[in-house]
Amino acid sequence: MNVRFLTSIGLAAAMAAALGAQAPVAPKQPPAAKAESASPKAGYAVPRTPWGDPDLQGIWNDATSTPLQRPNKYAGKDVLTDEEAAGFEQELRHDLDRDRRDGGNAIDVNRAYNEHWMDAKRLQATADKRTSLIIDPADGRIPPQVQAPPELQKQRAERAEAAKRFADGLPYSTDDMSLPVRCIIRTDSPPYLPTIYNNDFMIFQSPGQVVIAPEMIHSARVIPVDGKPHLNQRLHQWLGDSRGRWDGDTLVVETTNFRNEDGVTFLNTNAATFKITERFKRIGPDTIAYTFTVEDPQTWTRPWTAMVPWNRTRDQMYEYECHESNYDLVHLLSGARAREAQAK
């Protein structure tokens, strides 16, 4: 497992680098273009559970090639024409194709796990022809970052040094390895964004609770929707502390109390001030509009929002074995010690 996941670490690093680049501020787009993808289909009535709540149950897939942030070449364009959208999807499919061998040895090795291992649905752009998953701000980009407090800067610097040691093949200990490599947490932490594989989610409900179980690692979130208050602010969890409520046909989930460790979410925020508000709404028999707003005044200048369509799938949810019969950590550490001995 972990050997395969190391491939996705490179993808995550590339995405993180892309997040740091800011595009020019684009003109404000008409709000109707943004809301289109989250509007129920005409005449659609959301089904209900036997106890009367909106029924979100099923297996859903959130894979798409539409990027989180709007590429600079589409600055000012929220939604594309049919012709532009076809070219955009073709371009994204080419960029994401793991079967390509045209990038030189280093890049081609990074593509070593070919399309056989990947989620084919990730090569499709969103049906509403958006140029980014971000719908607010209007430029489709993550807002600028603020200067982090000294203790957070120190933590990030230490993590960067550890990541470099790992990349150089010289980790001091397992603590130098990221949380995903150690199979502690991955893309199962909110907010949910598409990745190269394991994009399926199972939702099931009971009176007063909604459970969201990602295929990645299977760390299910059990979300009370009965008015139960949040945990004490001093109690922190890997997936945060989630509390839900129904706003009409929309499930609204607020999550706080994340563990203050680098890598708990890909967003690299300050766990003490980080908050996510997610919204799940059935807009058709086979589609959920998943919208999330993240805010952290110690990370960004303002909150920002993205919308990712979840499409019903007949995929089977497979067991995700992460460290069972896995000797990667032993090999990585023994290899580091061998390199140190050779250097001496």
Protein backbone atom coordinates (compact mmCIF):
# COMPACT_ATOMS: atom_id res chain seq x y z
CA MET A 1 0.00 0.00 0.00
CA ASN A 2 2.44 2.64 1.14
CA VAL A 3 4.66 2.32 -1.91
CA ARG A 4 1.63 3.18 -4.00
CA PHE A 5 0.68 6.03 -1.72
CA LEU A 6 4.14 7.59 -1.99
CA THR A 7 3.14 8.41 -5.56
CA SER A 8 0.24 10.46 -4.28
CA ILE A 9 2.50 12.37 -1.91
CA GLY A 10 4.18 13.88 -4.94
CA LEU A 11 0.77 14.88 -6.26
CA ALA A 12 -0.10 16.45 -2.90
CA ALA A 13 3.17 18.37 -2.90
CA ALA A 14 2.48 19.68 -6.40
CA MET A 15 -1.01 20.71 -5.34
CA ALA A 16 0.38 22.49 -2.28
CA ALA A 17 2.80 24.40 -4.49
CA ALA A 18 -0.04 25.38 -6.79
CA LEU A 19 -2.06 26.62 -3.83
CA GLY A 20 0.67 29.11 -2.99
CA ALA A 21 0.63 30.81 -6.41
CA GLN A 22 -1.93 33.58 -6.62
CA ALA A 23 -3.70 34.58 -9.81
CA PRO A 24 -4.64 38.14 -10.66
CA VAL A 25 -7.89 39.24 -9.05
CA ALA A 26 -10.64 38.60 -11.56
CA PRO A 27 -13.76 40.66 -12.17
CA LYS A 28 -16.73 39.62 -10.09
CA GLN A 29 -18.87 36.98 -11.79
CA PRO A 30 -22.66 36.86 -11.90
CA PRO A 31 -23.86 34.94 -8.82
CA ALA A 32 -26.21 32.79 -10.95
CA ALA A 33 -23.23 31.09 -12.59
CA LYS A 34 -21.92 29.99 -9.20
CA ALA A 35 -25.23 28.77 -7.83
CA GLU A 36 -26.19 26.72 -10.88
CA SER A 37 -24.40 23.54 -9.83
CA ALA A 38 -25.94 23.56 -6.34
CA SER A 39 -29.54 24.06 -7.48
CA PRO A 40 -31.95 21.08 -7.39
CA LYS A 41 -33.16 19.78 -10.72
CA ALA A 42 -36.60 21.02 -11.71
CA GLY A 43 -39.36 19.06 -10.00
CA TYR A 44 -36.94 17.02 -7.89
CA ALA A 45 -38.17 16.13 -4.39
CA VAL A 46 -35.53 15.05 -1.89
CA PRO A 47 -36.34 11.58 -0.54
CA ARG A 48 -36.88 11.14 3.20
CA THR A 49 -35.80 8.58 5.75
CA PRO A 50 -38.53 6.70 7.68
CA TRP A 51 -38.06 9.23 10.51
CA GLY A 52 -38.41 12.24 8.19
CA ASP A 53 -34.86 13.53 7.60
CA PRO A 54 -33.56 14.17 4.06
CA ASP A 55 -32.08 10.90 2.80
CA LEU A 56 -28.40 11.19 1.79
CA GLN A 57 -27.63 7.50 2.02
CA GLY A 58 -25.66 5.62 -0.59
CA ILE A 59 -22.16 5.38 -2.06
CA TRP A 60 -20.92 8.56 -3.72
CA ASN A 61 -17.80 9.50 -5.70
CA ASP A 62 -16.27 13.00 -5.74
CA ALA A 63 -13.58 12.51 -8.42
CA THR A 64 -13.11 15.27 -10.98
CA SER A 65 -10.32 16.84 -13.02
CA THR A 66 -11.60 20.36 -12.35
CA PRO A 67 -8.87 21.95 -10.21
CA LEU A 68 -9.41 23.42 -6.78
CA GLN A 69 -8.08 26.81 -7.92
CA ARG A 70 -8.77 28.50 -11.25
CA PRO A 71 -5.77 28.37 -13.62
CA ASN A 72 -4.33 31.77 -14.47
CA LYS A 73 -5.21 31.33 -18.16
CA TYR A 74 -8.91 31.37 -17.20
CA ALA A 75 -8.73 34.38 -14.90
CA GLY A 76 -12.07 36.16 -15.03
CA LYS A 77 -13.90 33.11 -16.43
CA ASP A 78 -16.13 31.29 -13.96
CA VAL A 79 -17.95 29.04 -16.44
CA LEU A 80 -16.78 27.98 -19.90
CA THR A 81 -18.62 27.62 -23.18
CA ASP A 82 -19.17 24.08 -24.47
CA GLU A 83 -16.22 24.42 -26.85
CA GLU A 84 -13.94 25.87 -24.16
CA ALA A 85 -15.04 23.20 -21.69
CA ALA A 86 -14.18 20.40 -24.12
CA GLY A 87 -10.69 21.82 -24.60
CA PHE A 88 -10.30 22.39 -20.86
CA GLU A 89 -11.21 18.80 -20.03
CA GLN A 90 -8.91 17.46 -22.73
CA GLU A 91 -6.06 19.57 -21.33
CA LEU A 92 -6.72 18.36 -17.78
CA ARG A 93 -6.98 14.73 -18.89
CA HIS A 94 -3.59 15.07 -20.59
CA ASP A 95 -1.99 16.68 -17.54
CA LEU A 96 -3.36 13.97 -15.20
CA ASP A 97 -2.62 11.00 -17.47
CA ARG A 98 -0.32 8.63 -15.56
CA ASP A 99 0.44 6.57 -18.68
CA ARG A 100 2.44 9.40 -20.27
CA ARG A 101 6.15 8.88 -20.74
CA ASP A 102 7.14 12.24 -22.19
CA GLY A 103 8.48 14.06 -19.15
CA GLY A 104 12.02 12.81 -18.82
CA ASN A 105 13.23 10.13 -16.43
CA ALA A 106 12.50 11.90 -13.12
CA ILE A 107 8.93 12.87 -14.05
CA ASP A 108 8.18 9.53 -15.70
CA VAL A 109 9.30 7.66 -12.59
CA ASN A 110 6.89 9.79 -10.57
CA ARG A 111 4.16 8.52 -12.91
CA ALA A 112 5.24 4.92 -12.32
CA TYR A 113 1.82 3.81 -11.06
CA ASN A 114 -0.15 4.03 -14.27
CA GLU A 115 -3.83 4.55 -15.01
CA HIS A 116 -4.66 0.99 -13.97
CA TRP A 117 -4.35 2.10 -10.33
CA MET A 118 -6.16 5.41 -10.67
CA ASP A 119 -9.79 6.49 -10.46
CA ALA A 120 -10.85 7.03 -14.08
CA LYS A 121 -13.62 9.39 -12.91
CA ARG A 122 -10.95 11.91 -11.88
CA LEU A 123 -10.34 12.66 -15.58
CA GLN A 124 -13.79 14.22 -16.03
CA ALA A 125 -14.45 17.92 -15.48
CA THR A 126 -17.55 19.01 -13.57
CA ALA A 127 -20.78 18.94 -15.61
CA ASP A 128 -21.42 22.64 -14.97
CA LYS A 129 -18.18 23.58 -16.83
CA ARG A 130 -16.64 25.54 -13.94
CA THR A 131 -12.95 26.44 -14.14
CA SER A 132 -12.39 25.84 -10.42
CA LEU A 133 -13.97 24.05 -7.50
CA ILE A 134 -13.64 27.27 -5.49
CA ILE A 135 -16.76 29.40 -5.89
CA ASP A 136 -15.87 32.16 -3.41
CA PRO A 137 -13.84 34.39 -3.77
CA ALA A 138 -15.00 35.25 -7.26
CA ASP A 139 -11.51 34.81 -8.73
CA GLY A 140 -11.64 31.09 -7.92
CA ARG A 141 -8.47 31.25 -5.86
CA ILE A 142 -7.55 30.65 -2.23
CA PRO A 143 -7.15 34.05 -0.51
CA PRO A 144 -3.68 35.33 0.40
CA GLN A 145 -2.14 33.99 3.59
CA VAL A 146 -1.45 36.06 6.67
CA GLN A 147 1.80 35.84 8.60
CA ALA A 148 1.59 32.84 10.90
CA PRO A 149 2.29 33.29 14.63
CA PRO A 150 5.85 32.38 15.71
CA GLU A 151 4.94 29.01 17.23
CA LEU A 152 3.20 27.94 14.02
CA GLN A 153 6.13 29.13 11.91
CA LYS A 154 8.45 27.03 14.08
CA GLN A 155 6.24 23.96 13.71
CA ARG A 156 6.10 24.34 9.93
CA ALA A 157 9.88 24.82 9.71
CA GLU A 158 10.47 21.66 11.74
CA ARG A 159 8.06 19.73 9.54
CA ALA A 160 9.80 21.04 6.39
CA GLU A 161 13.17 19.86 7.73
CA ALA A 162 11.72 16.44 8.54
CA ALA A 163 10.15 16.20 5.08
CA LYS A 164 13.52 17.02 3.50
CA ARG A 165 15.26 14.31 5.53
CA PHE A 166 12.61 11.85 4.39
CA ALA A 167 12.92 12.92 0.74
CA ASP A 168 16.72 12.54 0.99
CA GLY A 169 16.31 8.99 2.29
CA LEU A 170 17.68 9.89 5.73
CA PRO A 171 14.77 10.02 8.19
CA TYR A 172 15.85 10.12 11.84
CA SER A 173 12.78 8.19 12.99
CA THR A 174 9.18 7.47 12.05
CA ASP A 175 8.34 10.97 13.34
CA ASP A 176 10.08 12.38 10.26
CA MET A 177 7.47 10.70 8.10
CA SER A 178 4.22 12.46 7.33
CA LEU A 179 0.92 11.39 8.85
CA PRO A 180 -0.21 9.87 5.50
CA VAL A 181 2.95 7.76 5.21
CA ARG A 182 2.38 6.51 8.76
CA CYS A 183 -1.23 5.64 7.85
CA ILE A 184 -2.64 7.88 10.58
CA ILE A 185 -4.73 10.24 8.48
CA ARG A 186 -5.03 11.10 4.80
CA THR A 187 -7.79 12.46 2.59
CA ASP A 188 -10.32 11.11 5.08
CA SER A 189 -10.07 14.38 7.01
CA PRO A 190 -12.46 17.18 6.01
CA PRO A 191 -12.72 19.05 3.78
CA TYR A 192 -13.08 16.25 1.24
CA LEU A 193 -11.35 16.82 -2.10
CA PRO A 194 -10.80 14.45 -5.02
CA THR A 195 -7.49 12.64 -5.29
CA ILE A 196 -5.94 10.02 -7.56
CA TYR A 197 -7.86 7.06 -6.11
CA ASN A 198 -10.24 6.04 -3.29
CA ASN A 199 -12.73 8.84 -3.96
CA ASP A 200 -15.75 6.89 -2.72
CA PHE A 201 -17.79 7.79 0.36
CA MET A 202 -20.58 5.84 2.02
CA ILE A 203 -23.27 7.79 3.86
CA PHE A 204 -25.70 6.09 6.19
CA GLN A 205 -28.11 7.55 8.71
CA SER A 206 -30.02 6.73 11.88
CA PRO A 207 -32.30 8.94 13.97
CA GLY A 208 -30.13 11.77 15.33
CA GLN A 209 -26.93 10.77 13.49
CA VAL A 210 -25.30 10.85 10.06
CA VAL A 211 -22.20 8.75 9.33
CA ILE A 212 -19.76 9.53 6.50
CA ALA A 213 -17.30 6.70 5.80
CA PRO A 214 -14.57 7.44 3.22
CA GLU A 215 -12.97 4.53 1.41
CA MET A 216 -9.56 6.04 2.21
CA ILE A 217 -8.53 4.53 5.59
CA HIS A 218 -12.18 4.08 6.67
CA SER A 219 -12.09 6.65 9.46
CA ALA A 220 -15.83 7.19 9.64
CA ARG A 221 -17.23 10.45 11.02
CA VAL A 222 -20.23 9.93 13.28
CA ILE A 223 -22.03 13.28 13.20
CA PRO A 224 -24.77 14.05 15.73
CA VAL A 225 -27.69 16.02 14.28
CA ASP A 226 -29.74 16.11 17.48
CA GLY A 227 -28.48 19.39 18.94
CA LYS A 228 -25.67 17.85 20.97
CA PRO A 229 -23.07 20.56 21.83
CA HIS A 230 -19.44 20.54 20.68
CA LEU A 231 -16.74 18.98 22.81
CA ASN A 232 -14.71 21.12 25.19
CA GLN A 233 -12.28 23.25 23.16
CA ARG A 234 -9.34 21.56 24.90
CA LEU A 235 -10.29 18.15 23.47
CA HIS A 236 -8.76 17.67 20.02
CA GLN A 237 -9.28 14.85 17.51
CA TRP A 238 -7.73 13.74 14.23
CA LEU A 239 -10.96 14.41 12.31
CA GLY A 240 -12.01 17.32 14.50
CA ASP A 241 -15.30 17.51 16.38
CA SER A 242 -18.30 17.59 14.02
CA ARG A 243 -21.83 18.70 14.84
CA GLY A 244 -24.63 18.75 12.28
CA ARG A 245 -28.06 20.25 11.82
CA TRP A 246 -30.71 20.27 9.10
CA ASP A 247 -31.36 23.52 7.25
CA GLY A 248 -34.34 22.53 5.15
CA ASP A 249 -33.06 19.77 2.85
CA THR A 250 -29.40 20.62 3.53
CA LEU A 251 -27.19 18.92 6.10
CA VAL A 252 -24.94 21.59 7.66
CA VAL A 253 -21.89 20.29 9.55
CA GLU A 254 -19.53 22.49 11.60
CA THR A 255 -16.17 20.99 12.56
CA THR A 256 -13.61 22.38 15.02
CA ASN A 257 -11.17 20.95 17.60
CA PHE A 258 -8.63 19.47 15.18
CA ARG A 259 -5.38 18.13 16.57
CA ASN A 260 -2.62 20.72 16.36
CA GLU A 261 -0.30 18.64 14.21
CA ASP A 262 1.00 19.41 10.76
CA GLY A 263 -0.76 17.36 8.09
CA VAL A 264 -4.09 16.82 9.86
CA THR A 265 -5.61 18.60 6.87
CA PHE A 266 -3.89 19.33 3.57
CA LEU A 267 -4.61 23.02 4.16
CA ASN A 268 -1.76 23.44 6.69
CA THR A 269 -3.76 25.61 9.06
CA ASN A 270 -3.62 26.53 12.72
CA ALA A 271 -5.77 23.87 14.37
CA ALA A 272 -6.64 26.17 17.28
CA THR A 273 -8.43 28.67 15.01
CA PHE A 274 -9.45 26.44 12.09
CA LYS A 275 -13.14 25.83 11.36
CA ILE A 276 -14.92 24.03 8.50
CA THR A 277 -18.59 24.37 7.62
CA GLU A 278 -19.79 21.69 5.19
CA ARG A 279 -23.13 21.47 3.40
CA PHE A 280 -24.57 18.32 1.83
CA LYS A 281 -27.63 18.74 -0.38
CA ARG A 282 -29.32 16.27 -2.76
CA ILE A 283 -29.92 18.12 -6.03
CA GLY A 284 -30.99 15.08 -8.01
CA PRO A 285 -31.44 11.32 -7.59
CA ASP A 286 -27.75 10.72 -8.33
CA THR A 287 -26.03 13.93 -7.18
CA ILE A 288 -25.13 15.63 -3.91
CA ALA A 289 -23.79 19.18 -3.95
CA TYR A 290 -20.98 19.13 -1.38
CA THR A 291 -20.02 22.67 -0.39
CA PHE A 292 -17.50 23.60 2.26
CA THR A 293 -16.31 26.89 3.73
CA VAL A 294 -13.02 27.02 5.59
CA GLU A 295 -11.91 29.85 7.82
CA ASP A 296 -8.82 30.49 9.90
CA PRO A 297 -7.82 34.10 10.64
CA GLN A 298 -4.28 32.91 11.43
CA THR A 299 -3.89 31.40 7.95
CA TRP A 300 -5.93 33.40 5.39
CA THR A 301 -7.12 36.97 5.02
CA ARG A 302 -10.74 35.77 4.64
CA PRO A 303 -12.83 32.58 4.51
CA TRP A 304 -13.22 30.75 1.20
CA THR A 305 -15.69 28.25 -0.24
CA ALA A 306 -15.56 25.36 -2.72
CA MET A 307 -18.25 23.11 -4.21
CA VAL A 308 -17.55 19.52 -5.27
CA PRO A 309 -20.26 17.38 -6.91
CA TRP A 310 -20.71 13.92 -5.40
CA ASN A 311 -22.11 11.46 -7.92
CA ARG A 312 -23.85 8.20 -7.02
CA THR A 313 -21.78 5.18 -7.96
CA ARG A 314 -22.21 1.43 -8.07
CA ASP A 315 -18.62 1.02 -6.93
CA GLN A 316 -17.96 -1.42 -4.13
CA MET A 317 -16.33 -0.06 -0.97
CA TYR A 318 -13.20 -2.16 -0.47
CA GLU A 319 -11.26 -2.66 2.73
CA TYR A 320 -8.32 -0.28 2.79
CA GLU A 321 -5.35 -2.15 4.21
CA CYS A 322 -2.76 0.41 5.16
CA HIS A 323 -0.06 -1.10 7.36
CA GLU A 324 -1.05 -4.75 7.43
CA SER A 325 1.98 -6.84 6.38
CA ASN A 326 3.66 -3.57 5.42
CA TYR A 327 7.38 -3.25 6.06
CA ASP A 328 7.90 0.16 4.47
CA LEU A 329 8.75 1.91 7.74
CA VAL A 330 11.33 -0.75 8.61
CA HIS A 331 12.90 -0.54 5.15
CA LEU A 332 12.92 3.26 5.10
CA LEU A 333 14.66 3.49 8.47
CA SER A 334 17.12 0.64 7.84
CA GLY A 335 17.98 2.21 4.48
CA ALA A 336 18.65 5.55 6.18
CA ARG A 337 21.01 3.94 8.68
CA ALA A 338 22.81 2.10 5.86
CA ARG A 339 23.30 5.37 3.95
CA GLU A 340 24.67 7.03 7.07
CA ALA A 341 27.13 4.17 7.54
CA GLN A 342 28.26 4.45 3.92
CA ALA A 343 28.79 8.19 4.32
CA LYS A 344 31.04 7.62 7.33
